[in-house]
Protein backbone atom coordinates (compact mmCIF):
# COMPACT_ATOMS: atom_id res chain seq x y z
CA UNK A 1 -45.90 -107.10 7.07
CA UNK A 2 -45.83 -106.99 3.20
CA UNK A 3 -44.85 -104.31 1.54
CA UNK A 4 -46.54 -102.95 -2.18
CA UNK A 5 -44.37 -100.89 -4.49
CA UNK A 6 -46.67 -99.57 -7.81
CA UNK A 7 -44.47 -99.00 -10.89
CA UNK A 8 -46.26 -97.26 -13.28
CA UNK A 9 -45.22 -94.39 -16.51
CA UNK A 10 -47.81 -92.00 -15.10
CA UNK A 11 -47.36 -90.82 -11.40
CA UNK A 12 -50.58 -89.27 -10.96
CA UNK A 13 -51.86 -93.08 -11.92
CA UNK A 14 -49.49 -94.44 -9.28
CA UNK A 15 -50.54 -91.93 -6.41
CA UNK A 16 -54.02 -92.34 -7.02
CA UNK A 17 -53.74 -96.12 -7.07
CA UNK A 18 -51.90 -95.87 -3.92
CA UNK A 19 -54.63 -93.55 -2.31
CA UNK A 20 -57.08 -96.16 -3.13
CA UNK A 21 -55.31 -98.74 -1.23
CA UNK A 22 -54.80 -96.84 1.63
CA UNK A 23 -58.73 -95.98 2.08
CA UNK A 24 -59.09 -99.91 1.71
CA UNK A 25 -56.16 -101.04 3.88
CA UNK A 26 -55.67 -98.30 6.43
CA UNK A 27 -53.09 -100.16 8.63
CA UNK A 28 -49.72 -97.69 9.49
CA UNK A 29 -47.46 -101.17 9.22
CA UNK A 30 -48.35 -101.44 5.84
CA UNK A 31 -45.88 -99.42 3.21
CA UNK A 32 -46.89 -98.57 -0.16
CA UNK A 33 -44.63 -96.73 -2.29
CA UNK A 34 -44.87 -95.58 -5.97
CA UNK A 35 -41.77 -95.32 -8.18
CA UNK A 36 -43.68 -93.71 -11.34
CA UNK A 37 -43.04 -90.80 -13.96
CA UNK A 38 -39.34 -89.31 -15.12
CA UNK A 39 -37.73 -85.83 -14.96
CA UNK A 40 -37.59 -83.63 -11.48
CA UNK A 41 -41.60 -83.25 -11.32
CA UNK A 42 -42.60 -86.91 -12.36
CA UNK A 43 -44.56 -85.14 -14.79
CA UNK A 44 -43.00 -87.28 -17.84
CA UNK A 45 -44.28 -90.45 -18.95
CA UNK A 46 -42.09 -93.37 -18.32
CA UNK A 47 -40.38 -95.25 -15.57
CA UNK A 48 -36.45 -95.08 -14.34
CA UNK A 49 -35.08 -98.49 -13.21
CA UNK A 50 -32.58 -96.45 -10.37
CA UNK A 51 -36.07 -94.81 -8.50
CA UNK A 52 -37.63 -98.50 -8.70
CA UNK A 53 -34.09 -99.53 -7.10
CA UNK A 54 -34.23 -97.13 -4.61
CA UNK A 55 -37.70 -97.83 -3.63
CA UNK A 56 -37.27 -101.52 -3.45
CA UNK A 57 -33.87 -101.04 -1.17
CA UNK A 58 -36.27 -99.25 1.53
CA UNK A 59 -39.63 -101.41 1.51
CA UNK A 60 -37.53 -105.08 1.31
CA UNK A 61 -35.09 -104.34 3.78
CA UNK A 62 -37.01 -106.10 6.27
CA UNK A 63 -39.87 -107.06 4.60
CA UNK A 64 -41.31 -109.08 1.63
CA UNK A 65 -42.23 -106.70 -1.36
CA UNK A 66 -44.84 -107.10 -4.00
CA UNK A 67 -44.19 -105.00 -7.34
CA UNK A 68 -47.33 -104.57 -9.49
CA UNK A 69 -46.70 -102.75 -13.11
CA UNK A 70 -48.87 -100.99 -15.38
CA UNK A 71 -47.32 -101.41 -19.06
CA UNK A 72 -44.34 -103.89 -20.68
CA UNK A 73 -41.64 -101.24 -20.20
CA UNK A 74 -42.19 -101.01 -16.48
CA UNK A 75 -41.75 -104.43 -16.14
CA UNK A 76 -38.53 -104.29 -18.06
CA UNK A 77 -37.32 -101.20 -15.77
CA UNK A 78 -37.91 -103.51 -12.71
CA UNK A 79 -36.18 -106.27 -14.02
CA UNK A 80 -33.27 -103.87 -14.44
CA UNK A 81 -33.60 -102.72 -10.89
CA UNK A 82 -33.74 -106.40 -9.63
CA UNK A 83 -30.23 -106.76 -11.09
CA UNK A 84 -28.73 -104.03 -9.47
CA UNK A 85 -30.13 -104.99 -5.87
CA UNK A 86 -28.07 -106.98 -3.67
CA UNK A 87 -29.31 -110.74 -3.78
CA UNK A 88 -30.14 -110.51 -0.25
CA UNK A 89 -32.57 -107.64 -0.83
CA UNK A 90 -33.66 -108.90 -4.62
CA UNK A 91 -34.70 -112.29 -3.03
CA UNK A 92 -37.68 -110.55 -0.82
CA UNK A 93 -39.16 -109.01 -4.09
CA UNK A 94 -42.11 -110.65 -6.04
CA UNK A 95 -42.98 -108.99 -9.29
CA UNK A 96 -47.18 -109.66 -9.86
CA UNK A 97 -48.46 -109.73 -13.06
CA UNK A 98 -52.05 -108.97 -11.75
CA UNK A 99 -54.06 -105.82 -13.22
CA UNK A 100 -52.34 -102.48 -11.82
CA UNK A 101 -55.73 -101.24 -9.66
CA UNK A 102 -57.44 -104.18 -8.92
CA UNK A 103 -54.39 -106.19 -8.12
CA UNK A 104 -52.81 -103.46 -5.98
CA UNK A 105 -56.33 -103.08 -3.84
CA UNK A 106 -56.50 -106.62 -3.46
CA UNK A 107 -53.03 -107.07 -2.48
CA UNK A 108 -52.95 -104.24 0.17
CA UNK A 109 -56.07 -105.66 1.69
CA UNK A 110 -54.73 -109.01 2.09
CA UNK A 111 -51.32 -107.49 3.21
CA UNK A 112 -53.36 -105.44 5.64
CA UNK A 113 -53.91 -108.44 7.58
CA UNK A 114 -50.57 -109.59 7.95
CA UNK A 115 -50.66 -112.22 5.23
CA UNK A 116 -47.39 -114.03 3.72
CA UNK A 117 -46.61 -112.84 0.84
CA UNK A 118 -47.95 -115.75 -1.22
CA UNK A 119 -51.64 -115.40 0.03
CA UNK A 120 -51.08 -111.23 -0.77
CA UNK A 121 -49.86 -112.47 -4.58
CA UNK A 122 -52.97 -114.96 -4.79
CA UNK A 123 -55.29 -112.08 -3.78
CA UNK A 124 -53.93 -109.92 -6.78
CA UNK A 125 -54.13 -112.65 -9.25
CA UNK A 126 -57.43 -112.96 -8.60
CA UNK A 127 -58.58 -109.59 -8.49
CA UNK A 128 -60.28 -109.52 -12.06
CA UNK A 129 -62.37 -112.41 -11.50
CA UNK A 130 -65.42 -110.61 -9.54
CA UNK A 131 -65.09 -107.75 -12.95
CA UNK A 132 -65.35 -110.54 -15.02
CA UNK A 133 -68.51 -112.36 -12.99
CA UNK A 134 -70.49 -108.70 -13.18
CA UNK A 135 -69.81 -108.35 -16.99
CA UNK A 136 -68.98 -111.22 -19.08
CA UNK A 137 -72.23 -112.40 -20.39
CA UNK A 138 -73.68 -116.05 -19.48
CA UNK A 139 -72.42 -117.71 -22.90
CA UNK A 140 -69.16 -116.66 -22.01
CA UNK A 141 -68.74 -117.49 -18.63
CA UNK A 142 -66.40 -119.91 -17.48
CA UNK A 143 -67.31 -123.40 -16.41
CA UNK A 144 -68.21 -123.96 -12.51
CA UNK A 145 -64.75 -125.77 -12.16
CA UNK A 146 -62.85 -122.72 -13.78
CA UNK A 147 -65.03 -120.25 -11.55
CA UNK A 148 -63.93 -122.26 -8.36
CA UNK A 149 -60.30 -122.35 -8.82
CA UNK A 150 -60.40 -118.75 -9.33
CA UNK A 151 -62.84 -117.84 -6.41
CA UNK A 152 -60.95 -120.40 -3.86
CA UNK A 153 -64.42 -121.91 -3.70
CA UNK A 154 -64.49 -124.94 -1.32
CA UNK A 155 -67.55 -127.20 -0.84
CA UNK A 156 -69.69 -126.73 2.48
CA UNK A 157 -67.75 -129.63 4.53
CA UNK A 158 -67.32 -129.34 8.00
CA UNK A 159 -66.16 -132.64 9.08
CA UNK A 160 -68.57 -133.06 11.71
CA UNK A 161 -67.78 -129.79 13.53
CA UNK A 162 -70.22 -127.69 15.19
CA UNK A 163 -71.34 -124.99 12.73
CA UNK A 164 -72.88 -121.63 13.65
CA UNK A 165 -75.55 -120.11 11.16
CA UNK A 166 -76.72 -117.06 10.18
CA UNK A 167 -79.52 -115.78 6.98
CA UNK A 168 -79.05 -112.34 5.94
CA UNK A 169 -80.63 -109.79 3.84
CA UNK A 170 -77.86 -107.39 1.91
CA UNK A 171 -79.84 -103.89 2.27
CA UNK A 172 -76.93 -101.94 1.43
CA UNK A 173 -77.72 -99.92 -1.86
CA UNK A 174 -74.58 -101.00 -3.80
CA UNK A 175 -74.24 -104.67 -2.22
CA UNK A 176 -70.95 -106.34 -1.03
CA UNK A 177 -68.56 -103.73 -3.84
CA UNK A 178 -65.26 -103.43 -2.68
CA UNK A 179 -65.74 -100.98 0.61
CA UNK A 180 -67.84 -103.66 1.99
CA UNK A 181 -66.12 -106.68 1.04
CA UNK A 182 -63.02 -104.83 2.66
CA UNK A 183 -65.09 -104.31 5.82
CA UNK A 184 -66.51 -107.81 5.57
CA UNK A 185 -63.00 -109.62 5.27
CA UNK A 186 -61.28 -107.24 7.97
CA UNK A 187 -64.09 -108.61 10.35
CA UNK A 188 -63.93 -112.20 9.39
CA UNK A 189 -59.70 -111.84 9.99
CA UNK A 190 -60.14 -110.73 13.60
CA UNK A 191 -61.51 -114.45 14.73
CA UNK A 192 -60.32 -117.74 14.86
CA UNK A 193 -63.37 -118.92 12.62
CA UNK A 194 -63.86 -120.54 9.31
CA UNK A 195 -66.66 -119.00 7.19
CA UNK A 196 -68.58 -120.50 4.07
CA UNK A 197 -71.03 -117.84 2.47
CA UNK A 198 -73.79 -118.84 0.08
CA UNK A 199 -75.63 -116.50 -2.19
CA UNK A 200 -79.12 -118.23 -2.37
CA UNK A 201 -80.63 -115.76 -4.27
CA UNK A 202 -78.32 -116.58 -7.32
CA UNK A 203 -78.71 -120.49 -5.99
CA UNK A 204 -75.20 -119.86 -6.17
CA UNK A 205 -72.16 -122.59 -4.36
CA UNK A 206 -70.79 -121.81 -1.15
CA UNK A 207 -67.75 -119.59 -0.97
CA UNK A 208 -64.95 -120.25 1.46
CA UNK A 209 -63.98 -116.55 2.41
CA UNK A 210 -60.49 -116.03 2.30
CA UNK A 211 -60.07 -112.91 0.82
CA UNK A 212 -62.14 -109.73 -0.14
CA UNK A 213 -62.10 -111.12 -3.89
CA UNK A 214 -63.95 -113.87 -2.52
CA UNK A 215 -66.38 -111.81 -0.93
CA UNK A 216 -66.92 -109.87 -4.09
CA UNK A 217 -67.02 -113.23 -6.31
CA UNK A 218 -70.41 -113.84 -4.14
CA UNK A 219 -72.14 -111.11 -6.55
CA UNK A 220 -74.47 -109.75 -3.38
CA UNK A 221 -76.59 -107.02 -4.76
CA UNK A 222 -78.92 -105.26 -2.63
CA UNK A 223 -82.04 -107.87 -1.26
CA UNK A 224 -79.71 -110.71 -2.18
CA UNK A 225 -80.34 -113.49 0.67
CA UNK A 226 -77.13 -114.81 2.19
CA UNK A 227 -76.42 -117.87 4.31
CA UNK A 228 -73.48 -117.58 6.56
CA UNK A 229 -72.05 -120.61 8.06
CA UNK A 230 -68.96 -120.58 10.66
CA UNK A 231 -66.82 -123.13 12.57
CA UNK A 232 -64.09 -122.91 14.93
CA UNK A 233 -63.56 -121.43 18.45
CA UNK A 234 -64.87 -118.24 17.29
CA UNK A 235 -67.80 -119.00 15.17
CA UNK A 236 -70.61 -116.92 17.10
CA UNK A 237 -68.34 -113.72 17.53
CA UNK A 238 -67.42 -113.85 14.30
CA UNK A 239 -71.13 -113.99 13.19
CA UNK A 240 -72.76 -111.39 15.45
CA UNK A 241 -69.96 -108.85 14.54
CA UNK A 242 -71.18 -109.36 10.69
CA UNK A 243 -74.51 -109.38 11.44
CA UNK A 244 -74.16 -105.65 13.03
CA UNK A 245 -72.16 -104.67 9.61
CA UNK A 246 -74.93 -105.42 7.46
CA UNK A 247 -77.98 -104.10 9.54
CA UNK A 248 -75.68 -100.84 9.93
CA UNK A 249 -75.31 -100.99 5.84
CA UNK A 250 -71.73 -101.46 5.64
CA UNK A 251 -71.57 -97.50 7.04
CA UNK A 252 -73.48 -96.40 3.85
């Protein structure tokens, strides 16, 4: 499983971010460490390359590690730490320029599934897409092709395979925000099935569900009508469990 290191100038910021990740990605097999702040109590603002090196040595002993950093000098400290590591350990470490908080949550959820480091890295890099979709005005919004690339969208093509379908209404007040999106993708990953979802209320294109960010990119709000299509051996099972989640308002 890919482990995660959070490098920040603020120990409180890093610890708070780690706590958010653990709530979304509860697997005890996922290791999340912070290397943040200066001084014996970590209360001073800054980063320490030696502390980062020690954390990486522990996290990368047997697993790949994704590192997220908050500001420019945190990047420099991480680069110094990598230079102090043995080559075999350093080869298992990958720095990620994704946004610190959003990227950490997205990476943690994807790592929680046991995904390889490239998939964890990609999910973190897409982490701002859902927020942009919510905030950016129509005039500033990207062209559909760019949005498809960011969201890992694919056309609804099943190559003749049998398809199971589900029409469902989003009823939880906050829609498919981060926590329901995490539950959604955790459910999908349990099954051998490929799932696409269309937000029919927004007349959107089908989204191939690969990670938490792709679920959030549906922009699904309370009252929105979603059309789910599943293929694969577990197509009916995944839709049945997802239906229960929707009817239970994702526990909210």
